[in-house]
Amino acid sequence: MKSRYDAESDILYLLIKEGNIKDTVEVSEDMFIEYDENDEPIGIELWRARTNVFGEMLKYLNKLTEVKGIKRNSYMKKMKQVA
C-alpha cells in the first residue's frame, strides 16, 4: 500500500494496488473508494484529511496518554529534559 498527501487540497490518497479504475463510489461526503474491473477496491481518497484523519489520530493519541495516567504537559516537560 502506498499513500500520498496533497497539503494544498488536503486530500489523502491510499493506493491499495495498481490497476485501472472501473468505478468510484462515494462512501461519505469525504471518502471515495475506487474499484477495478473485478470490483475489488484499489484506492481510497479521503478529503479534509487534516480533520478526518490527522485530527482523529491526535484525539486517539491524547486519549492514550490520559489512559496511561500521563498528563500532556508533564509528558512534554519530560521530553524537553531528554532533548
PDB file of N, CA and C in Angstrom:
ATOM      1  N   MET A   1       0.841  -1.169   0.000  1.00  0.00           N
ATOM      2  CA  MET A   1       0.000   0.000   0.000  1.00  0.00           C
ATOM      3  C   MET A   1       0.888   1.234   0.000  1.00  0.00           C
ATOM      4  N   LYS A   2       0.497   2.214  -0.793  1.00  0.00           N
ATOM      5  CA  LYS A   2       1.208   3.481  -0.857  1.00  0.00           C
ATOM      6  C   LYS A   2       0.240   4.593  -0.487  1.00  0.00           C
ATOM      7  N   SER A   3       0.799   5.700  -0.023  1.00  0.00           N
ATOM      8  CA  SER A   3      -0.053   6.841   0.302  1.00  0.00           C
ATOM      9  C   SER A   3       0.568   8.124  -0.230  1.00  0.00           C
ATOM     10  N   ARG A   4      -0.296   9.073  -0.534  1.00  0.00           N
ATOM     11  CA  ARG A   4       0.125  10.407  -0.967  1.00  0.00           C
ATOM     12  C   ARG A   4      -0.766  11.405  -0.256  1.00  0.00           C
ATOM     13  N   TYR A   5      -0.180  12.519   0.130  1.00  0.00           N
ATOM     14  CA  TYR A   5      -0.961  13.582   0.754  1.00  0.00           C
ATOM     15  C   TYR A   5      -0.712  14.877   0.010  1.00  0.00           C
ATOM     16  N   ASP A   6      -1.785  15.523  -0.427  1.00  0.00           N
ATOM     17  CA  ASP A   6      -1.702  16.819  -1.100  1.00  0.00           C
ATOM     18  C   ASP A   6      -2.133  17.870  -0.090  1.00  0.00           C
ATOM     19  N   ALA A   7      -1.170  18.595   0.459  1.00  0.00           N
ATOM     20  CA  ALA A   7      -1.457  19.579   1.506  1.00  0.00           C
ATOM     21  C   ALA A   7      -2.304  20.731   0.992  1.00  0.00           C
ATOM     22  N   GLU A   8      -2.099  21.113  -0.259  1.00  0.00           N
ATOM     23  CA  GLU A   8      -2.847  22.240  -0.807  1.00  0.00           C
ATOM     24  C   GLU A   8      -4.346  21.941  -0.886  1.00  0.00           C
ATOM     25  N   SER A   9      -4.691  20.742  -1.333  1.00  0.00           N
ATOM     26  CA  SER A   9      -6.105  20.372  -1.436  1.00  0.00           C
ATOM     27  C   SER A   9      -6.590  19.591  -0.216  1.00  0.00           C
ATOM     28  N   ASP A  10      -5.671  19.241   0.695  1.00  0.00           N
ATOM     29  CA  ASP A  10      -5.978  18.496   1.921  1.00  0.00           C
ATOM     30  C   ASP A  10      -6.638  17.148   1.624  1.00  0.00           C
ATOM     31  N   ILE A  11      -6.046  16.422   0.672  1.00  0.00           N
ATOM     32  CA  ILE A  11      -6.561  15.106   0.285  1.00  0.00           C
ATOM     33  C   ILE A  11      -5.484  14.049   0.525  1.00  0.00           C
ATOM     34  N   LEU A  12      -5.877  12.978   1.199  1.00  0.00           N
ATOM     35  CA  LEU A  12      -5.003  11.828   1.422  1.00  0.00           C
ATOM     36  C   LEU A  12      -5.472  10.718   0.496  1.00  0.00           C
ATOM     37  N   TYR A  13      -4.542  10.150  -0.274  1.00  0.00           N
ATOM     38  CA  TYR A  13      -4.878   9.066  -1.191  1.00  0.00           C
ATOM     39  C   TYR A  13      -4.124   7.810  -0.770  1.00  0.00           C
ATOM     40  N   LEU A  14      -4.851   6.726  -0.620  1.00  0.00           N
ATOM     41  CA  LEU A  14      -4.262   5.434  -0.272  1.00  0.00           C
ATOM     42  C   LEU A  14      -4.394   4.505  -1.475  1.00  0.00           C
ATOM     43  N   LEU A  15      -3.274   4.112  -2.040  1.00  0.00           N
ATOM     44  CA  LEU A  15      -3.263   3.191  -3.166  1.00  0.00           C
ATOM     45  C   LEU A  15      -3.127   1.779  -2.609  1.00  0.00           C
ATOM     46  N   ILE A  16      -4.156   0.984  -2.787  1.00  0.00           N
ATOM     47  CA  ILE A  16      -4.142  -0.387  -2.287  1.00  0.00           C
ATOM     48  C   ILE A  16      -3.365  -1.283  -3.243  1.00  0.00           C
ATOM     49  N   LYS A  17      -3.664  -1.146  -4.530  1.00  0.00           N
ATOM     50  CA  LYS A  17      -2.911  -1.882  -5.555  1.00  0.00           C
ATOM     51  C   LYS A  17      -3.068  -1.154  -6.877  1.00  0.00           C
ATOM     52  N   GLU A  18      -2.107  -1.367  -7.770  1.00  0.00           N
ATOM     53  CA  GLU A  18      -2.133  -0.761  -9.096  1.00  0.00           C
ATOM     54  C   GLU A  18      -3.246  -1.389  -9.930  1.00  0.00           C
ATOM     55  N   GLY A  19      -3.822  -0.605 -10.809  1.00  0.00           N
ATOM     56  CA  GLY A  19      -4.845  -1.134 -11.703  1.00  0.00           C
ATOM     57  C   GLY A  19      -5.648  -0.019 -12.334  1.00  0.00           C
ATOM     58  N   ASN A  20      -6.487  -0.395 -13.293  1.00  0.00           N
ATOM     59  CA  ASN A  20      -7.356   0.570 -13.952  1.00  0.00           C
ATOM     60  C   ASN A  20      -8.628   0.758 -13.137  1.00  0.00           C
ATOM     61  N   ILE A  21      -9.031   2.002 -12.997  1.00  0.00           N
ATOM     62  CA  ILE A  21     -10.233   2.316 -12.222  1.00  0.00           C
ATOM     63  C   ILE A  21     -11.459   2.119 -13.098  1.00  0.00           C
ATOM     64  N   LYS A  22     -12.346   1.239 -12.654  1.00  0.00           N
ATOM     65  CA  LYS A  22     -13.602   0.997 -13.365  1.00  0.00           C
ATOM     66  C   LYS A  22     -14.710   1.883 -12.799  1.00  0.00           C
ATOM     67  N   ASP A  23     -14.705   2.064 -11.471  1.00  0.00           N
ATOM     68  CA  ASP A  23     -15.788   2.793 -10.826  1.00  0.00           C
ATOM     69  C   ASP A  23     -15.288   3.446  -9.549  1.00  0.00           C
ATOM     70  N   THR A  24     -15.885   4.567  -9.195  1.00  0.00           N
ATOM     71  CA  THR A  24     -15.592   5.247  -7.932  1.00  0.00           C
ATOM     72  C   THR A  24     -16.907   5.422  -7.188  1.00  0.00           C
ATOM     73  N   VAL A  25     -16.909   5.012  -5.918  1.00  0.00           N
ATOM     74  CA  VAL A  25     -18.112   5.089  -5.106  1.00  0.00           C
ATOM     75  C   VAL A  25     -17.895   6.086  -3.975  1.00  0.00           C
ATOM     76  N   GLU A  26     -18.831   7.010  -3.822  1.00  0.00           N
ATOM     77  CA  GLU A  26     -18.781   7.966  -2.722  1.00  0.00           C
ATOM     78  C   GLU A  26     -19.380   7.295  -1.488  1.00  0.00           C
ATOM     79  N   VAL A  27     -18.523   6.963  -0.531  1.00  0.00           N
ATOM     80  CA  VAL A  27     -18.936   6.270   0.682  1.00  0.00           C
ATOM     81  C   VAL A  27     -19.523   7.253   1.690  1.00  0.00           C
ATOM     82  N   SER A  28     -18.920   8.423   1.755  1.00  0.00           N
ATOM     83  CA  SER A  28     -19.415   9.503   2.603  1.00  0.00           C
ATOM     84  C   SER A  28     -19.035  10.811   1.926  1.00  0.00           C
ATOM     85  N   GLU A  29     -19.371  11.903   2.555  1.00  0.00           N
ATOM     86  CA  GLU A  29     -19.093  13.217   1.972  1.00  0.00           C
ATOM     87  C   GLU A  29     -17.612  13.411   1.661  1.00  0.00           C
ATOM     88  N   ASP A  30     -16.745  12.789   2.455  1.00  0.00           N
ATOM     89  CA  ASP A  30     -15.303  12.999   2.321  1.00  0.00           C
ATOM     90  C   ASP A  30     -14.518  11.739   2.001  1.00  0.00           C
ATOM     91  N   MET A  31     -15.189  10.648   1.606  1.00  0.00           N
ATOM     92  CA  MET A  31     -14.474   9.401   1.317  1.00  0.00           C
ATOM     93  C   MET A  31     -14.988   8.770   0.034  1.00  0.00           C
ATOM     94  N   PHE A  32     -14.020   8.432  -0.830  1.00  0.00           N
ATOM     95  CA  PHE A  32     -14.333   7.802  -2.108  1.00  0.00           C
ATOM     96  C   PHE A  32     -13.485   6.550  -2.250  1.00  0.00           C
ATOM     97  N   ILE A  33     -14.094   5.462  -2.718  1.00  0.00           N
ATOM     98  CA  ILE A  33     -13.367   4.213  -2.935  1.00  0.00           C
ATOM     99  C   ILE A  33     -13.382   3.902  -4.428  1.00  0.00           C
ATOM    100  N   GLU A  34     -12.207   3.578  -4.961  1.00  0.00           N
ATOM    101  CA  GLU A  34     -12.065   3.248  -6.376  1.00  0.00           C
ATOM    102  C   GLU A  34     -11.987   1.732  -6.531  1.00  0.00           C
ATOM    103  N   TYR A  35     -12.684   1.220  -7.559  1.00  0.00           N
ATOM    104  CA  TYR A  35     -12.742  -0.214  -7.821  1.00  0.00           C
ATOM    105  C   TYR A  35     -12.191  -0.517  -9.209  1.00  0.00           C
ATOM    106  N   ASP A  36     -11.595  -1.708  -9.332  1.00  0.00           N
ATOM    107  CA  ASP A  36     -11.063  -2.134 -10.630  1.00  0.00           C
ATOM    108  C   ASP A  36     -12.109  -2.950 -11.395  1.00  0.00           C
ATOM    109  N   GLU A  37     -11.687  -3.559 -12.511  1.00  0.00           N
ATOM    110  CA  GLU A  37     -12.585  -4.342 -13.364  1.00  0.00           C
ATOM    111  C   GLU A  37     -13.189  -5.541 -12.643  1.00  0.00           C
ATOM    112  N   ASN A  38     -12.518  -6.042 -11.597  1.00  0.00           N
ATOM    113  CA  ASN A  38     -13.010  -7.193 -10.827  1.00  0.00           C
ATOM    114  C   ASN A  38     -13.810  -6.759  -9.604  1.00  0.00           C
ATOM    115  N   ASP A  39     -14.154  -5.478  -9.550  1.00  0.00           N
ATOM    116  CA  ASP A  39     -14.894  -4.891  -8.423  1.00  0.00           C
ATOM    117  C   ASP A  39     -14.157  -5.020  -7.092  1.00  0.00           C
ATOM    118  N   GLU A  40     -12.826  -5.022  -7.165  1.00  0.00           N
ATOM    119  CA  GLU A  40     -12.010  -5.027  -5.962  1.00  0.00           C
ATOM    120  C   GLU A  40     -11.519  -3.612  -5.698  1.00  0.00           C
ATOM    121  N   PRO A  41     -11.485  -3.188  -4.429  1.00  0.00           N
ATOM    122  CA  PRO A  41     -11.003  -1.833  -4.131  1.00  0.00           C
ATOM    123  C   PRO A  41      -9.514  -1.705  -4.429  1.00  0.00           C
ATOM    124  N   ILE A  42      -9.161  -0.612  -5.113  1.00  0.00           N
ATOM    125  CA  ILE A  42      -7.749  -0.383  -5.428  1.00  0.00           C
ATOM    126  C   ILE A  42      -7.242   0.945  -4.883  1.00  0.00           C
ATOM    127  N   GLY A  43      -8.163   1.825  -4.462  1.00  0.00           N
ATOM    128  CA  GLY A  43      -7.726   3.110  -3.933  1.00  0.00           C
ATOM    129  C   GLY A  43      -8.796   3.742  -3.058  1.00  0.00           C
ATOM    130  N   ILE A  44      -8.345   4.554  -2.107  1.00  0.00           N
ATOM    131  CA  ILE A  44      -9.240   5.289  -1.219  1.00  0.00           C
ATOM    132  C   ILE A  44      -8.785   6.744  -1.195  1.00  0.00           C
ATOM    133  N   GLU A  45      -9.725   7.637  -1.412  1.00  0.00           N
ATOM    134  CA  GLU A  45      -9.438   9.065  -1.391  1.00  0.00           C
ATOM    135  C   GLU A  45     -10.183   9.690  -0.218  1.00  0.00           C
ATOM    136  N   LEU A  46      -9.435  10.367   0.658  1.00  0.00           N
ATOM    137  CA  LEU A  46     -10.018  10.983   1.849  1.00  0.00           C
ATOM    138  C   LEU A  46      -9.859  12.492   1.774  1.00  0.00           C
ATOM    139  N   TRP A  47     -10.974  13.195   1.700  1.00  0.00           N
ATOM    140  CA  TRP A  47     -10.963  14.654   1.656  1.00  0.00           C
ATOM    141  C   TRP A  47     -10.969  15.202   3.068  1.00  0.00           C
ATOM    142  N   ARG A  48     -10.520  16.437   3.234  1.00  0.00           N
ATOM    143  CA  ARG A  48     -10.412  17.109   4.525  1.00  0.00           C
ATOM    144  C   ARG A  48      -9.622  16.213   5.495  1.00  0.00           C
ATOM    145  N   ALA A  49      -8.485  15.749   5.026  1.00  0.00           N
ATOM    146  CA  ALA A  49      -7.669  14.792   5.780  1.00  0.00           C
ATOM    147  C   ALA A  49      -7.176  15.356   7.103  1.00  0.00           C
ATOM    148  N   ARG A  50      -6.877  16.651   7.154  1.00  0.00           N
ATOM    149  CA  ARG A  50      -6.405  17.229   8.422  1.00  0.00           C
ATOM    150  C   ARG A  50      -7.428  17.015   9.526  1.00  0.00           C
ATOM    151  N   THR A  51      -8.682  17.150   9.200  1.00  0.00           N
ATOM    152  CA  THR A  51      -9.744  16.970  10.188  1.00  0.00           C
ATOM    153  C   THR A  51     -10.113  15.502  10.350  1.00  0.00           C
ATOM    154  N   ASN A  52     -10.389  14.842   9.231  1.00  0.00           N
ATOM    155  CA  ASN A  52     -10.931  13.487   9.265  1.00  0.00           C
ATOM    156  C   ASN A  52      -9.925  12.410   9.647  1.00  0.00           C
ATOM    157  N   VAL A  53      -8.672  12.605   9.305  1.00  0.00           N
ATOM    158  CA  VAL A  53      -7.671  11.572   9.598  1.00  0.00           C
ATOM    159  C   VAL A  53      -6.721  12.031  10.693  1.00  0.00           C
ATOM    160  N   PHE A  54      -5.980  13.102  10.415  1.00  0.00           N
ATOM    161  CA  PHE A  54      -4.946  13.540  11.344  1.00  0.00           C
ATOM    162  C   PHE A  54      -5.545  14.028  12.658  1.00  0.00           C
ATOM    163  N   GLY A  55      -6.660  14.740  12.587  1.00  0.00           N
ATOM    164  CA  GLY A  55      -7.321  15.217  13.804  1.00  0.00           C
ATOM    165  C   GLY A  55      -7.780  14.059  14.678  1.00  0.00           C
ATOM    166  N   GLU A  56      -8.335  13.035  14.045  1.00  0.00           N
ATOM    167  CA  GLU A  56      -8.777  11.849  14.786  1.00  0.00           C
ATOM    168  C   GLU A  56      -7.595  11.098  15.386  1.00  0.00           C
ATOM    169  N   MET A  57      -6.479  11.061  14.678  1.00  0.00           N
ATOM    170  CA  MET A  57      -5.281  10.394  15.212  1.00  0.00           C
ATOM    171  C   MET A  57      -4.787  11.116  16.465  1.00  0.00           C
ATOM    172  N   LEU A  58      -4.777  12.443  16.423  1.00  0.00           N
ATOM    173  CA  LEU A  58      -4.341  13.215  17.588  1.00  0.00           C
ATOM    174  C   LEU A  58      -5.268  12.992  18.783  1.00  0.00           C
ATOM    175  N   LYS A  59      -6.572  12.952  18.535  1.00  0.00           N
ATOM    176  CA  LYS A  59      -7.524  12.670  19.622  1.00  0.00           C
ATOM    177  C   LYS A  59      -7.223  11.309  20.247  1.00  0.00           C
ATOM    178  N   TYR A  60      -6.981  10.320  19.398  1.00  0.00           N
ATOM    179  CA  TYR A  60      -6.686   8.974  19.877  1.00  0.00           C
ATOM    180  C   TYR A  60      -5.396   8.958  20.702  1.00  0.00           C
ATOM    181  N   LEU A  61      -4.351   9.611  20.208  1.00  0.00           N
ATOM    182  CA  LEU A  61      -3.082   9.639  20.937  1.00  0.00           C
ATOM    183  C   LEU A  61      -3.229  10.366  22.278  1.00  0.00           C
ATOM    184  N   ASN A  62      -4.006  11.447  22.296  1.00  0.00           N
ATOM    185  CA  ASN A  62      -4.242  12.158  23.549  1.00  0.00           C
ATOM    186  C   ASN A  62      -4.982  11.273  24.543  1.00  0.00           C
ATOM    187  N   LYS A  63      -5.942  10.485  24.067  1.00  0.00           N
ATOM    188  CA  LYS A  63      -6.668   9.574  24.953  1.00  0.00           C
ATOM    189  C   LYS A  63      -5.737   8.500  25.504  1.00  0.00           C
ATOM    190  N   LEU A  64      -4.834   8.029  24.670  1.00  0.00           N
ATOM    191  CA  LEU A  64      -3.882   7.013  25.128  1.00  0.00           C
ATOM    192  C   LEU A  64      -3.046   7.541  26.291  1.00  0.00           C
ATOM    193  N   THR A  65      -2.582   8.766  26.173  1.00  0.00           N
ATOM    194  CA  THR A  65      -1.763   9.320  27.250  1.00  0.00           C
ATOM    195  C   THR A  65      -2.590   9.526  28.506  1.00  0.00           C
ATOM    196  N   GLU A  66      -3.873   9.886  28.372  1.00  0.00           N
ATOM    197  CA  GLU A  66      -4.745  10.037  29.537  1.00  0.00           C
ATOM    198  C   GLU A  66      -4.984   8.700  30.212  1.00  0.00           C
ATOM    199  N   VAL A  67      -5.218   7.662  29.429  1.00  0.00           N
ATOM    200  CA  VAL A  67      -5.479   6.332  29.975  1.00  0.00           C
ATOM    201  C   VAL A  67      -4.287   5.827  30.761  1.00  0.00           C
ATOM    202  N   LYS A  68      -3.107   6.120  30.289  1.00  0.00           N
ATOM    203  CA  LYS A  68      -1.900   5.667  30.966  1.00  0.00           C
ATOM    204  C   LYS A  68      -1.520   6.568  32.132  1.00  0.00           C
ATOM    205  N   GLY A  69      -2.346   7.596  32.396  1.00  0.00           N
ATOM    206  CA  GLY A  69      -2.088   8.466  33.531  1.00  0.00           C
ATOM    207  C   GLY A  69      -1.016   9.501  33.289  1.00  0.00           C
ATOM    208  N   ILE A  70      -0.675   9.735  32.057  1.00  0.00           N
ATOM    209  CA  ILE A  70       0.344  10.720  31.735  1.00  0.00           C
ATOM    210  C   ILE A  70      -0.356  11.988  31.273  1.00  0.00           C
ATOM    211  N   LYS A  71      -0.123  13.067  31.950  1.00  0.00           N
ATOM    212  CA  LYS A  71      -0.686  14.350  31.539  1.00  0.00           C
ATOM    213  C   LYS A  71       0.160  14.897  30.406  1.00  0.00           C
ATOM    214  N   ARG A  72      -0.472  15.538  29.449  1.00  0.00           N
ATOM    215  CA  ARG A  72       0.243  16.051  28.285  1.00  0.00           C
ATOM    216  C   ARG A  72       1.359  17.010  28.684  1.00  0.00           C
ATOM    217  N   ASN A  73       1.101  17.926  29.607  1.00  0.00           N
ATOM    218  CA  ASN A  73       2.119  18.903  29.996  1.00  0.00           C
ATOM    219  C   ASN A  73       3.319  18.241  30.655  1.00  0.00           C
ATOM    220  N   SER A  74       3.067  17.281  31.519  1.00  0.00           N
ATOM    221  CA  SER A  74       4.193  16.604  32.173  1.00  0.00           C
ATOM    222  C   SER A  74       4.978  15.777  31.164  1.00  0.00           C
ATOM    223  N   TYR A  75       4.290  15.210  30.193  1.00  0.00           N
ATOM    224  CA  TYR A  75       4.966  14.447  29.137  1.00  0.00           C
ATOM    225  C   TYR A  75       5.871  15.375  28.336  1.00  0.00           C
ATOM    226  N   MET A  76       5.351  16.541  27.969  1.00  0.00           N
ATOM    227  CA  MET A  76       6.152  17.486  27.182  1.00  0.00           C
ATOM    228  C   MET A  76       7.360  17.968  27.987  1.00  0.00           C
ATOM    229  N   LYS A  77       7.198  18.175  29.285  1.00  0.00           N
ATOM    230  CA  LYS A  77       8.334  18.582  30.121  1.00  0.00           C
ATOM    231  C   LYS A  77       9.407  17.497  30.132  1.00  0.00           C
ATOM    232  N   LYS A  78       8.959  16.234  30.251  1.00  0.00           N
ATOM    233  CA  LYS A  78       9.908  15.130  30.243  1.00  0.00           C
ATOM    234  C   LYS A  78      10.655  15.047  28.917  1.00  0.00           C
ATOM    235  N   MET A  79       9.938  15.287  27.811  1.00  0.00           N
ATOM    236  CA  MET A  79      10.572  15.232  26.503  1.00  0.00           C
ATOM    237  C   MET A  79      11.620  16.347  26.359  1.00  0.00           C
ATOM    238  N   LYS A  80      11.337  17.517  26.897  1.00  0.00           N
ATOM    239  CA  LYS A  80      12.288  18.623  26.825  1.00  0.00           C
ATOM    240  C   LYS A  80      13.533  18.309  27.644  1.00  0.00           C
ATOM    241  N   GLN A  81      13.360  17.613  28.778  1.00  0.00           N
ATOM    242  CA  GLN A  81      14.501  17.251  29.617  1.00  0.00           C
ATOM    243  C   GLN A  81      15.408  16.274  28.900  1.00  0.00           C
ATOM    244  N   VAL A  82      14.816  15.371  28.143  1.00  0.00           N
ATOM    245  CA  VAL A  82      15.592  14.358  27.423  1.00  0.00           C
ATOM    246  C   VAL A  82      16.371  14.985  26.272  1.00  0.00           C
ATOM    247  N   ALA A  83      15.761  15.980  25.609  1.00  0.00           N
ATOM    248  CA  ALA A  83      16.387  16.592  24.411  1.00  0.00           C
ATOM    249  C   ALA A  83      17.586  17.432  24.749  1.00  0.00           C
TER     250      ALA A  83
END
